[in-house]
């Protein structure tokens, strides 16, 4: 169990995917994205979501991500946020997304 104060430390925000492409250098198939989080700026992310998503179909869509983890080196890129998804039984990831467009950078409660 975690406390509410622990949960409050996790900064989850909504952002819009500005760019997406296959991350050829990654060991595990992934898509690299540039995501606009409004007032906190744009952040890069690597996500292992190639089972259900094509890069071109992600651009313009909003996603939910944790934006306050330290950057993590993934192949030749620093991943600056963790895009969130649901792990299916086979290990494929389905993205968490708002069901209507909201302002980029808004926090998740």
C-alpha atoms as a PDB file:
ATOM      1  CA  UNK A   1       0.000   0.000   0.000  1.00  0.00           C
ATOM      2  CA  UNK A   2       1.099   3.552  -0.686  1.00  0.00           C
ATOM      3  CA  UNK A   3      -0.077   6.695   1.015  1.00  0.00           C
ATOM      4  CA  UNK A   4      -1.919   9.591  -0.595  1.00  0.00           C
ATOM      5  CA  UNK A   5       1.221  11.670  -0.181  1.00  0.00           C
ATOM      6  CA  UNK A   6       3.134   9.031  -2.207  1.00  0.00           C
ATOM      7  CA  UNK A   7       0.494   9.158  -4.962  1.00  0.00           C
ATOM      8  CA  UNK A   8       0.619  12.965  -4.966  1.00  0.00           C
ATOM      9  CA  UNK A   9       4.295  12.788  -5.938  1.00  0.00           C
ATOM     10  CA  UNK A  10       3.427  11.175  -9.299  1.00  0.00           C
ATOM     11  CA  UNK A  11       2.802  13.956 -11.825  1.00  0.00           C
ATOM     12  CA  UNK A  12       0.582  12.555 -14.598  1.00  0.00           C
ATOM     13  CA  UNK A  13      -0.389  14.932 -17.394  1.00  0.00           C
ATOM     14  CA  UNK A  14      -2.169  14.897 -20.728  1.00  0.00           C
ATOM     15  CA  UNK A  15      -0.198  15.806 -23.821  1.00  0.00           C
ATOM     16  CA  UNK A  16      -0.605  15.803 -27.593  1.00  0.00           C
ATOM     17  CA  UNK A  17       1.721  13.755 -29.796  1.00  0.00           C
ATOM     18  CA  UNK A  18       3.463  16.168 -32.187  1.00  0.00           C
ATOM     19  CA  UNK A  19       5.853  13.683 -33.824  1.00  0.00           C
ATOM     20  CA  UNK A  20       6.085   9.893 -33.848  1.00  0.00           C
ATOM     21  CA  UNK A  21       8.367   7.448 -35.629  1.00  0.00           C
ATOM     22  CA  UNK A  22       9.626   3.900 -35.277  1.00  0.00           C
ATOM     23  CA  UNK A  23      12.566   3.797 -32.876  1.00  0.00           C
ATOM     24  CA  UNK A  24      14.910   1.686 -34.991  1.00  0.00           C
ATOM     25  CA  UNK A  25      17.787   1.837 -32.478  1.00  0.00           C
ATOM     26  CA  UNK A  26      15.761   0.432 -29.559  1.00  0.00           C
ATOM     27  CA  UNK A  27      16.411  -3.201 -28.551  1.00  0.00           C
ATOM     28  CA  UNK A  28      12.660  -3.884 -28.184  1.00  0.00           C
ATOM     29  CA  UNK A  29      10.305  -2.581 -30.913  1.00  0.00           C
ATOM     30  CA  UNK A  30       9.195   0.898 -29.893  1.00  0.00           C
ATOM     31  CA  UNK A  31       7.880   4.214 -31.122  1.00  0.00           C
ATOM     32  CA  UNK A  32       9.593   7.457 -30.193  1.00  0.00           C
ATOM     33  CA  UNK A  33       7.367  10.470 -29.704  1.00  0.00           C
ATOM     34  CA  UNK A  34       7.609  14.191 -29.084  1.00  0.00           C
ATOM     35  CA  UNK A  35       4.690  15.202 -26.864  1.00  0.00           C
ATOM     36  CA  UNK A  36       3.362  18.717 -26.128  1.00  0.00           C
ATOM     37  CA  UNK A  37       2.446  19.160 -22.457  1.00  0.00           C
ATOM     38  CA  UNK A  38       1.395  22.798 -22.799  1.00  0.00           C
ATOM     39  CA  UNK A  39       2.900  24.993 -20.065  1.00  0.00           C
ATOM     40  CA  UNK A  40       5.549  22.428 -19.065  1.00  0.00           C
ATOM     41  CA  UNK A  41       6.828  22.154 -22.640  1.00  0.00           C
ATOM     42  CA  UNK A  42       7.559  19.266 -24.995  1.00  0.00           C
ATOM     43  CA  UNK A  43       9.052  15.974 -23.830  1.00  0.00           C
ATOM     44  CA  UNK A  44      10.420  12.925 -25.651  1.00  0.00           C
ATOM     45  CA  UNK A  45       9.309   9.382 -24.927  1.00  0.00           C
ATOM     46  CA  UNK A  46       9.992   5.863 -26.122  1.00  0.00           C
ATOM     47  CA  UNK A  47       7.001   3.530 -25.869  1.00  0.00           C
ATOM     48  CA  UNK A  48       6.742  -0.180 -26.649  1.00  0.00           C
ATOM     49  CA  UNK A  49       3.357   0.154 -28.337  1.00  0.00           C
ATOM     50  CA  UNK A  50       4.037  -1.166 -31.843  1.00  0.00           C
ATOM     51  CA  UNK A  51       1.531  -4.042 -31.534  1.00  0.00           C
ATOM     52  CA  UNK A  52      -1.487  -1.715 -31.730  1.00  0.00           C
ATOM     53  CA  UNK A  53      -0.217   1.617 -33.045  1.00  0.00           C
ATOM     54  CA  UNK A  54       1.392   3.102 -36.137  1.00  0.00           C
ATOM     55  CA  UNK A  55       3.427   6.303 -35.687  1.00  0.00           C
ATOM     56  CA  UNK A  56       1.366   8.239 -38.253  1.00  0.00           C
ATOM     57  CA  UNK A  57      -1.860   7.388 -36.406  1.00  0.00           C
ATOM     58  CA  UNK A  58      -0.511   8.730 -33.086  1.00  0.00           C
ATOM     59  CA  UNK A  59       0.280  12.250 -34.302  1.00  0.00           C
ATOM     60  CA  UNK A  60      -2.409  14.674 -33.151  1.00  0.00           C
ATOM     61  CA  UNK A  61      -3.752  12.333 -30.464  1.00  0.00           C
ATOM     62  CA  UNK A  62      -3.552  12.950 -26.742  1.00  0.00           C
ATOM     63  CA  UNK A  63      -1.894  10.530 -24.315  1.00  0.00           C
ATOM     64  CA  UNK A  64      -1.377  10.359 -20.557  1.00  0.00           C
ATOM     65  CA  UNK A  65       2.185  10.303 -19.200  1.00  0.00           C
ATOM     66  CA  UNK A  66       4.173  10.579 -15.984  1.00  0.00           C
ATOM     67  CA  UNK A  67       6.282  13.702 -16.448  1.00  0.00           C
ATOM     68  CA  UNK A  68       8.363  13.789 -13.261  1.00  0.00           C
ATOM     69  CA  UNK A  69      10.494  10.648 -13.514  1.00  0.00           C
ATOM     70  CA  UNK A  70      14.184  11.314 -14.141  1.00  0.00           C
ATOM     71  CA  UNK A  71      15.152  11.038 -17.831  1.00  0.00           C
ATOM     72  CA  UNK A  72      16.120   7.509 -18.895  1.00  0.00           C
ATOM     73  CA  UNK A  73      18.597   6.596 -21.609  1.00  0.00           C
ATOM     74  CA  UNK A  74      16.932   4.377 -24.220  1.00  0.00           C
ATOM     75  CA  UNK A  75      19.365   3.485 -26.999  1.00  0.00           C
ATOM     76  CA  UNK A  76      20.548   6.858 -28.390  1.00  0.00           C
ATOM     77  CA  UNK A  77      17.724   8.967 -26.885  1.00  0.00           C
ATOM     78  CA  UNK A  78      16.874  10.325 -23.445  1.00  0.00           C
ATOM     79  CA  UNK A  79      13.253   9.401 -22.703  1.00  0.00           C
ATOM     80  CA  UNK A  80      11.822  12.260 -20.613  1.00  0.00           C
ATOM     81  CA  UNK A  81       8.372  10.931 -19.724  1.00  0.00           C
ATOM     82  CA  UNK A  82       6.568   7.613 -19.336  1.00  0.00           C
ATOM     83  CA  UNK A  83       3.524   7.209 -21.567  1.00  0.00           C
ATOM     84  CA  UNK A  84       0.914   5.130 -19.721  1.00  0.00           C
ATOM     85  CA  UNK A  85      -1.026   2.163 -21.009  1.00  0.00           C
ATOM     86  CA  UNK A  86      -2.820  -1.006 -20.035  1.00  0.00           C
ATOM     87  CA  UNK A  87      -0.906  -4.267 -20.458  1.00  0.00           C
ATOM     88  CA  UNK A  88      -3.046  -6.922 -22.121  1.00  0.00           C
ATOM     89  CA  UNK A  89      -2.689 -10.645 -21.351  1.00  0.00           C
ATOM     90  CA  UNK A  90      -0.343 -11.120 -24.310  1.00  0.00           C
ATOM     91  CA  UNK A  91       1.857  -8.216 -23.218  1.00  0.00           C
ATOM     92  CA  UNK A  92       0.563  -5.731 -25.801  1.00  0.00           C
ATOM     93  CA  UNK A  93      -0.045  -2.188 -24.560  1.00  0.00           C
ATOM     94  CA  UNK A  94      -3.247  -0.166 -25.039  1.00  0.00           C
ATOM     95  CA  UNK A  95      -2.701   3.557 -24.412  1.00  0.00           C
ATOM     96  CA  UNK A  96      -4.535   5.487 -21.715  1.00  0.00           C
ATOM     97  CA  UNK A  97      -6.160   8.487 -23.374  1.00  0.00           C
ATOM     98  CA  UNK A  98      -8.860  11.010 -22.492  1.00  0.00           C
ATOM     99  CA  UNK A  99     -12.209  10.318 -24.156  1.00  0.00           C
ATOM    100  CA  UNK A 100     -12.447  13.960 -25.242  1.00  0.00           C
ATOM    101  CA  UNK A 101      -9.767  16.530 -26.041  1.00  0.00           C
ATOM    102  CA  UNK A 102      -8.610  18.615 -23.106  1.00  0.00           C
ATOM    103  CA  UNK A 103      -6.001  21.322 -22.667  1.00  0.00           C
ATOM    104  CA  UNK A 104      -2.436  19.963 -23.000  1.00  0.00           C
ATOM    105  CA  UNK A 105      -0.592  19.814 -19.700  1.00  0.00           C
ATOM    106  CA  UNK A 106      -3.660  19.347 -17.501  1.00  0.00           C
ATOM    107  CA  UNK A 107      -2.968  17.052 -14.535  1.00  0.00           C
ATOM    108  CA  UNK A 108      -4.589  13.667 -14.029  1.00  0.00           C
ATOM    109  CA  UNK A 109      -6.504  13.242 -10.779  1.00  0.00           C
END
